[in-house]
PDB file of N, CA and C in Angstrom:
ATOM      1  N   UNK A   1     -38.295 -34.789  94.060  1.00  0.00           N
ATOM      2  CA  UNK A   1     -38.064 -33.363  92.978  1.00  0.00           C
ATOM      3  C   UNK A   1     -39.178 -34.340  91.775  1.00  0.00           C
ATOM      4  N   UNK A   2     -39.607 -32.775  91.532  1.00  0.00           N
ATOM      5  CA  UNK A   2     -41.095 -32.718  90.229  1.00  0.00           C
ATOM      6  C   UNK A   2     -40.052 -32.416  88.921  1.00  0.00           C
ATOM      7  N   UNK A   3     -40.567 -33.527  87.983  1.00  0.00           N
ATOM      8  CA  UNK A   3     -39.902 -33.364  86.951  1.00  0.00           C
ATOM      9  C   UNK A   3     -41.232 -32.980  85.775  1.00  0.00           C
ATOM     10  N   UNK A   4     -40.909 -31.830  85.329  1.00  0.00           N
ATOM     11  CA  UNK A   4     -42.032 -31.384  83.935  1.00  0.00           C
ATOM     12  C   UNK A   4     -41.185 -31.794  82.592  1.00  0.00           C
ATOM     13  N   UNK A   5     -42.272 -32.848  81.919  1.00  0.00           N
ATOM     14  CA  UNK A   5     -41.745 -32.912  80.484  1.00  0.00           C
ATOM     15  C   UNK A   5     -42.103 -31.849  79.807  1.00  0.00           C
ATOM     16  N   UNK A   6     -41.372 -30.760  79.401  1.00  0.00           N
ATOM     17  CA  UNK A   6     -41.912 -29.801  78.335  1.00  0.00           C
ATOM     18  C   UNK A   6     -41.456 -30.127  76.739  1.00  0.00           C
ATOM     19  N   UNK A   7     -40.991 -31.141  76.338  1.00  0.00           N
ATOM     20  CA  UNK A   7     -40.531 -31.647  75.309  1.00  0.00           C
ATOM     21  C   UNK A   7     -41.856 -30.949  74.206  1.00  0.00           C
ATOM     22  N   UNK A   8     -41.681 -30.682  72.833  1.00  0.00           N
ATOM     23  CA  UNK A   8     -42.391 -30.409  71.885  1.00  0.00           C
ATOM     24  C   UNK A   8     -43.261 -28.600  72.086  1.00  0.00           C
ATOM     25  N   UNK A   9     -42.962 -28.210  73.059  1.00  0.00           N
ATOM     26  CA  UNK A   9     -43.747 -26.883  73.436  1.00  0.00           C
ATOM     27  C   UNK A   9     -42.662 -25.818  72.778  1.00  0.00           C
ATOM     28  N   UNK A  10     -43.367 -24.484  72.711  1.00  0.00           N
ATOM     29  CA  UNK A  10     -42.187 -23.305  72.105  1.00  0.00           C
ATOM     30  C   UNK A  10     -42.474 -22.546  72.837  1.00  0.00           C
ATOM     31  N   UNK A  11     -41.677 -21.355  73.334  1.00  0.00           N
ATOM     32  CA  UNK A  11     -41.634 -20.298  73.783  1.00  0.00           C
ATOM     33  C   UNK A  11     -42.986 -19.706  73.792  1.00  0.00           C
ATOM     34  N   UNK A  12     -43.519 -19.051  74.365  1.00  0.00           N
ATOM     35  CA  UNK A  12     -43.459 -18.708  76.012  1.00  0.00           C
ATOM     36  C   UNK A  12     -43.470 -20.115  76.712  1.00  0.00           C
ATOM     37  N   UNK A  13     -44.489 -21.215  76.577  1.00  0.00           N
ATOM     38  CA  UNK A  13     -44.775 -22.054  77.144  1.00  0.00           C
ATOM     39  C   UNK A  13     -43.943 -22.520  77.944  1.00  0.00           C
ATOM     40  N   UNK A  14     -42.937 -23.238  77.593  1.00  0.00           N
ATOM     41  CA  UNK A  14     -41.986 -23.814  79.110  1.00  0.00           C
ATOM     42  C   UNK A  14     -41.872 -23.184  80.171  1.00  0.00           C
ATOM     43  N   UNK A  15     -41.646 -22.024  79.526  1.00  0.00           N
ATOM     44  CA  UNK A  15     -41.218 -20.714  80.719  1.00  0.00           C
ATOM     45  C   UNK A  15     -42.398 -20.504  81.625  1.00  0.00           C
ATOM     46  N   UNK A  16     -43.832 -20.480  81.180  1.00  0.00           N
ATOM     47  CA  UNK A  16     -44.775 -20.359  81.719  1.00  0.00           C
ATOM     48  C   UNK A  16     -45.403 -21.571  82.996  1.00  0.00           C
ATOM     49  N   UNK A  17     -45.125 -22.848  81.643  1.00  0.00           N
ATOM     50  CA  UNK A  17     -45.360 -23.955  82.745  1.00  0.00           C
ATOM     51  C   UNK A  17     -44.808 -24.103  83.551  1.00  0.00           C
ATOM     52  N   UNK A  18     -43.092 -23.577  83.981  1.00  0.00           N
ATOM     53  CA  UNK A  18     -41.942 -23.529  85.028  1.00  0.00           C
ATOM     54  C   UNK A  18     -42.837 -22.582  85.948  1.00  0.00           C
ATOM     55  N   UNK A  19     -43.298 -21.536  85.652  1.00  0.00           N
ATOM     56  CA  UNK A  19     -43.385 -20.682  86.493  1.00  0.00           C
ATOM     57  C   UNK A  19     -44.601 -21.344  87.133  1.00  0.00           C
ATOM     58  N   UNK A  20     -45.760 -21.609  86.745  1.00  0.00           N
ATOM     59  CA  UNK A  20     -46.255 -22.350  87.744  1.00  0.00           C
ATOM     60  C   UNK A  20     -46.695 -23.514  88.692  1.00  0.00           C
ATOM     61  N   UNK A  21     -45.876 -24.260  88.056  1.00  0.00           N
ATOM     62  CA  UNK A  21     -45.228 -25.400  88.762  1.00  0.00           C
ATOM     63  C   UNK A  21     -44.411 -24.840  89.979  1.00  0.00           C
ATOM     64  N   UNK A  22     -43.476 -23.750  90.110  1.00  0.00           N
ATOM     65  CA  UNK A  22     -42.775 -22.972  91.062  1.00  0.00           C
ATOM     66  C   UNK A  22     -43.452 -22.448  91.739  1.00  0.00           C
ATOM     67  N   UNK A  23     -44.379 -21.843  91.676  1.00  0.00           N
ATOM     68  CA  UNK A  23     -45.466 -21.092  92.320  1.00  0.00           C
ATOM     69  C   UNK A  23     -45.644 -22.205  93.736  1.00  0.00           C
ATOM     70  N   UNK A  24     -45.732 -23.660  93.690  1.00  0.00           N
ATOM     71  CA  UNK A  24     -46.161 -24.293  94.235  1.00  0.00           C
ATOM     72  C   UNK A  24     -45.361 -25.161  95.492  1.00  0.00           C
ATOM     73  N   UNK A  25     -44.207 -24.220  94.959  1.00  0.00           N
ATOM     74  CA  UNK A  25     -42.426 -24.800  95.878  1.00  0.00           C
ATOM     75  C   UNK A  25     -42.334 -24.153  96.912  1.00  0.00           C
ATOM     76  N   UNK A  26     -41.715 -24.678  97.746  1.00  0.00           N
ATOM     77  CA  UNK A  26     -41.040 -24.144  98.901  1.00  0.00           C
ATOM     78  C   UNK A  26     -39.444 -23.995  98.786  1.00  0.00           C
ATOM     79  N   UNK A  27     -39.041 -23.216  99.173  1.00  0.00           N
ATOM     80  CA  UNK A  27     -37.245 -23.070  99.549  1.00  0.00           C
ATOM     81  C   UNK A  27     -36.548 -24.371  99.600  1.00  0.00           C
ATOM     82  N   UNK A  28     -35.979 -24.545  98.876  1.00  0.00           N
ATOM     83  CA  UNK A  28     -35.018 -25.827  98.375  1.00  0.00           C
ATOM     84  C   UNK A  28     -35.506 -27.008  97.662  1.00  0.00           C
ATOM     85  N   UNK A  29     -36.788 -26.464  97.315  1.00  0.00           N
ATOM     86  CA  UNK A  29     -37.351 -27.715  96.492  1.00  0.00           C
ATOM     87  C   UNK A  29     -36.507 -27.972  94.880  1.00  0.00           C
ATOM     88  N   UNK A  30     -36.523 -28.569  94.381  1.00  0.00           N
ATOM     89  CA  UNK A  30     -35.808 -28.821  93.026  1.00  0.00           C
ATOM     90  C   UNK A  30     -37.050 -29.415  91.688  1.00  0.00           C
ATOM     91  N   UNK A  31     -36.709 -28.928  90.607  1.00  0.00           N
ATOM     92  CA  UNK A  31     -37.530 -28.976  89.705  1.00  0.00           C
ATOM     93  C   UNK A  31     -36.584 -29.357  88.519  1.00  0.00           C
ATOM     94  N   UNK A  32     -36.788 -30.432  87.837  1.00  0.00           N
ATOM     95  CA  UNK A  32     -35.959 -30.807  86.689  1.00  0.00           C
ATOM     96  C   UNK A  32     -36.881 -30.749  85.798  1.00  0.00           C
ATOM     97  N   UNK A  33     -36.504 -29.970  84.177  1.00  0.00           N
ATOM     98  CA  UNK A  33     -37.608 -29.468  83.177  1.00  0.00           C
ATOM     99  C   UNK A  33     -36.853 -30.020  82.312  1.00  0.00           C
ATOM    100  N   UNK A  34     -37.443 -30.532  81.358  1.00  0.00           N
ATOM    101  CA  UNK A  34     -37.286 -31.389  79.559  1.00  0.00           C
ATOM    102  C   UNK A  34     -37.475 -30.237  78.570  1.00  0.00           C
ATOM    103  N   UNK A  35     -37.222 -29.826  78.092  1.00  0.00           N
ATOM    104  CA  UNK A  35     -37.365 -29.312  76.691  1.00  0.00           C
ATOM    105  C   UNK A  35     -36.612 -29.137  75.602  1.00  0.00           C
ATOM    106  N   UNK A  36     -37.295 -29.328  74.456  1.00  0.00           N
ATOM    107  CA  UNK A  36     -36.717 -29.158  73.349  1.00  0.00           C
ATOM    108  C   UNK A  36     -36.942 -27.853  72.427  1.00  0.00           C
ATOM    109  N   UNK A  37     -37.454 -26.748  72.950  1.00  0.00           N
ATOM    110  CA  UNK A  37     -37.097 -25.112  72.079  1.00  0.00           C
ATOM    111  C   UNK A  37     -35.705 -24.946  72.178  1.00  0.00           C
ATOM    112  N   UNK A  38     -35.764 -24.534  71.097  1.00  0.00           N
ATOM    113  CA  UNK A  38     -33.806 -24.563  71.080  1.00  0.00           C
ATOM    114  C   UNK A  38     -33.536 -23.246  71.540  1.00  0.00           C
ATOM    115  N   UNK A  39     -34.276 -22.287  72.018  1.00  0.00           N
ATOM    116  CA  UNK A  39     -34.225 -20.635  72.629  1.00  0.00           C
ATOM    117  C   UNK A  39     -34.335 -21.306  73.922  1.00  0.00           C
ATOM    118  N   UNK A  40     -34.733 -22.325  74.905  1.00  0.00           N
ATOM    119  CA  UNK A  40     -34.998 -22.550  75.732  1.00  0.00           C
ATOM    120  C   UNK A  40     -34.067 -22.367  76.769  1.00  0.00           C
ATOM    121  N   UNK A  41     -32.612 -22.588  76.568  1.00  0.00           N
ATOM    122  CA  UNK A  41     -31.479 -22.464  77.538  1.00  0.00           C
ATOM    123  C   UNK A  41     -31.484 -20.673  77.840  1.00  0.00           C
ATOM    124  N   UNK A  42     -31.592 -20.059  76.791  1.00  0.00           N
ATOM    125  CA  UNK A  42     -31.274 -18.324  76.631  1.00  0.00           C
ATOM    126  C   UNK A  42     -32.648 -17.634  77.869  1.00  0.00           C
ATOM    127  N   UNK A  43     -34.165 -18.651  77.522  1.00  0.00           N
ATOM    128  CA  UNK A  43     -34.914 -18.063  77.964  1.00  0.00           C
ATOM    129  C   UNK A  43     -34.977 -18.502  79.474  1.00  0.00           C
ATOM    130  N   UNK A  44     -34.416 -19.864  79.863  1.00  0.00           N
ATOM    131  CA  UNK A  44     -34.590 -20.103  81.006  1.00  0.00           C
ATOM    132  C   UNK A  44     -33.452 -19.414  81.931  1.00  0.00           C
ATOM    133  N   UNK A  45     -31.969 -18.854  81.662  1.00  0.00           N
ATOM    134  CA  UNK A  45     -31.193 -18.218  82.327  1.00  0.00           C
ATOM    135  C   UNK A  45     -31.589 -17.006  82.348  1.00  0.00           C
ATOM    136  N   UNK A  46     -32.480 -16.481  81.560  1.00  0.00           N
ATOM    137  CA  UNK A  46     -33.266 -14.705  82.036  1.00  0.00           C
ATOM    138  C   UNK A  46     -33.932 -14.879  82.633  1.00  0.00           C
ATOM    139  N   UNK A  47     -35.211 -15.920  82.742  1.00  0.00           N
ATOM    140  CA  UNK A  47     -35.961 -16.463  83.768  1.00  0.00           C
ATOM    141  C   UNK A  47     -35.732 -16.425  85.044  1.00  0.00           C
ATOM    142  N   UNK A  48     -34.836 -17.228  85.335  1.00  0.00           N
ATOM    143  CA  UNK A  48     -34.093 -17.366  86.880  1.00  0.00           C
ATOM    144  C   UNK A  48     -33.016 -16.551  87.125  1.00  0.00           C
ATOM    145  N   UNK A  49     -32.834 -15.433  86.207  1.00  0.00           N
ATOM    146  CA  UNK A  49     -32.389 -14.279  86.502  1.00  0.00           C
ATOM    147  C   UNK A  49     -33.129 -13.061  87.278  1.00  0.00           C
ATOM    148  N   UNK A  50     -34.471 -13.238  86.812  1.00  0.00           N
ATOM    149  CA  UNK A  50     -35.227 -12.487  87.420  1.00  0.00           C
ATOM    150  C   UNK A  50     -35.934 -12.793  89.096  1.00  0.00           C
ATOM    151  N   UNK A  51     -36.136 -14.191  88.919  1.00  0.00           N
ATOM    152  CA  UNK A  51     -36.692 -14.556  90.073  1.00  0.00           C
ATOM    153  C   UNK A  51     -35.801 -14.897  91.103  1.00  0.00           C
ATOM    154  N   UNK A  52     -34.437 -15.041  90.928  1.00  0.00           N
ATOM    155  CA  UNK A  52     -33.615 -15.543  91.854  1.00  0.00           C
ATOM    156  C   UNK A  52     -33.283 -16.744  92.377  1.00  0.00           C
ATOM    157  N   UNK A  53     -34.156 -17.525  91.528  1.00  0.00           N
ATOM    158  CA  UNK A  53     -33.691 -19.174  91.972  1.00  0.00           C
ATOM    159  C   UNK A  53     -32.637 -19.474  90.949  1.00  0.00           C
ATOM    160  N   UNK A  54     -32.061 -21.011  91.736  1.00  0.00           N
ATOM    161  CA  UNK A  54     -31.092 -21.254  91.105  1.00  0.00           C
ATOM    162  C   UNK A  54     -30.831 -22.359  90.214  1.00  0.00           C
ATOM    163  N   UNK A  55     -30.066 -21.561  88.869  1.00  0.00           N
ATOM    164  CA  UNK A  55     -29.879 -23.124  88.548  1.00  0.00           C
ATOM    165  C   UNK A  55     -28.898 -24.093  88.555  1.00  0.00           C
ATOM    166  N   UNK A  56     -29.350 -24.894  88.736  1.00  0.00           N
ATOM    167  CA  UNK A  56     -27.949 -26.140  89.391  1.00  0.00           C
ATOM    168  C   UNK A  56     -27.264 -26.991  88.557  1.00  0.00           C
ATOM    169  N   UNK A  57     -27.901 -27.262  87.199  1.00  0.00           N
ATOM    170  CA  UNK A  57     -27.579 -27.865  86.118  1.00  0.00           C
ATOM    171  C   UNK A  57     -28.480 -27.568  84.623  1.00  0.00           C
ATOM    172  N   UNK A  58     -27.622 -27.570  83.796  1.00  0.00           N
ATOM    173  CA  UNK A  58     -28.425 -27.129  82.551  1.00  0.00           C
ATOM    174  C   UNK A  58     -27.179 -27.789  81.397  1.00  0.00           C
ATOM    175  N   UNK A  59     -27.967 -28.997  80.407  1.00  0.00           N
ATOM    176  CA  UNK A  59     -27.220 -29.649  79.654  1.00  0.00           C
ATOM    177  C   UNK A  59     -28.061 -29.918  78.298  1.00  0.00           C
ATOM    178  N   UNK A  60     -27.496 -30.625  77.275  1.00  0.00           N
ATOM    179  CA  UNK A  60     -28.359 -30.763  76.231  1.00  0.00           C
ATOM    180  C   UNK A  60     -27.856 -32.173  75.573  1.00  0.00           C
ATOM    181  N   UNK A  61     -28.847 -33.098  75.193  1.00  0.00           N
ATOM    182  CA  UNK A  61     -28.226 -34.143  74.650  1.00  0.00           C
ATOM    183  C   UNK A  61     -29.403 -34.342  73.667  1.00  0.00           C
ATOM    184  N   UNK A  62     -28.899 -34.946  72.674  1.00  0.00           N
ATOM    185  CA  UNK A  62     -30.168 -34.990  71.714  1.00  0.00           C
ATOM    186  C   UNK A  62     -31.298 -34.412  71.371  1.00  0.00           C
ATOM    187  N   UNK A  63     -30.650 -33.299  71.280  1.00  0.00           N
ATOM    188  CA  UNK A  63     -31.846 -32.051  71.213  1.00  0.00           C
ATOM    189  C   UNK A  63     -32.868 -32.017  72.702  1.00  0.00           C
ATOM    190  N   UNK A  64     -32.604 -32.337  73.387  1.00  0.00           N
ATOM    191  CA  UNK A  64     -33.481 -32.292  74.743  1.00  0.00           C
ATOM    192  C   UNK A  64     -32.320 -31.267  75.715  1.00  0.00           C
ATOM    193  N   UNK A  65     -32.938 -30.216  76.120  1.00  0.00           N
ATOM    194  CA  UNK A  65     -32.432 -29.216  77.152  1.00  0.00           C
ATOM    195  C   UNK A  65     -33.031 -30.102  78.731  1.00  0.00           C
ATOM    196  N   UNK A  66     -31.965 -30.315  79.278  1.00  0.00           N
ATOM    197  CA  UNK A  66     -32.451 -30.463  80.785  1.00  0.00           C
ATOM    198  C   UNK A  66     -31.831 -29.218  81.843  1.00  0.00           C
ATOM    199  N   UNK A  67     -32.887 -28.794  82.740  1.00  0.00           N
ATOM    200  CA  UNK A  67     -32.426 -28.027  83.351  1.00  0.00           C
ATOM    201  C   UNK A  67     -32.774 -28.541  84.650  1.00  0.00           C
ATOM    202  N   UNK A  68     -32.105 -28.407  85.520  1.00  0.00           N
ATOM    203  CA  UNK A  68     -32.558 -28.340  87.328  1.00  0.00           C
ATOM    204  C   UNK A  68     -32.377 -27.430  87.855  1.00  0.00           C
ATOM    205  N   UNK A  69     -33.705 -26.954  88.421  1.00  0.00           N
ATOM    206  CA  UNK A  69     -33.692 -25.273  89.178  1.00  0.00           C
ATOM    207  C   UNK A  69     -34.049 -25.965  90.666  1.00  0.00           C
ATOM    208  N   UNK A  70     -33.521 -24.853  91.853  1.00  0.00           N
ATOM    209  CA  UNK A  70     -33.776 -24.942  92.857  1.00  0.00           C
ATOM    210  C   UNK A  70     -34.596 -23.712  93.697  1.00  0.00           C
ATOM    211  N   UNK A  71     -35.689 -23.976  94.282  1.00  0.00           N
ATOM    212  CA  UNK A  71     -36.662 -22.651  94.766  1.00  0.00           C
ATOM    213  C   UNK A  71     -35.690 -21.844  95.545  1.00  0.00           C
ATOM    214  N   UNK A  72     -35.443 -20.694  94.957  1.00  0.00           N
ATOM    215  CA  UNK A  72     -34.750 -19.728  96.262  1.00  0.00           C
ATOM    216  C   UNK A  72     -35.556 -19.560  97.330  1.00  0.00           C
TER     217      UNK A  72
END
């Protein structure tokens, strides 16, 4: 599993960095993303709806959003 620490970055950087990382992934690979942008949950759900990749987990703790994404 790959982990991206994108804390401190604001839109659109978390999505752009995630998109770059996912280019090199194959079906079934998983990516864990950590972000602090308060709009990241909305942004990631919209992005994944377009790509067809799967959001396996999404939660927030102490201002840090964690997204577990599986490449479709």
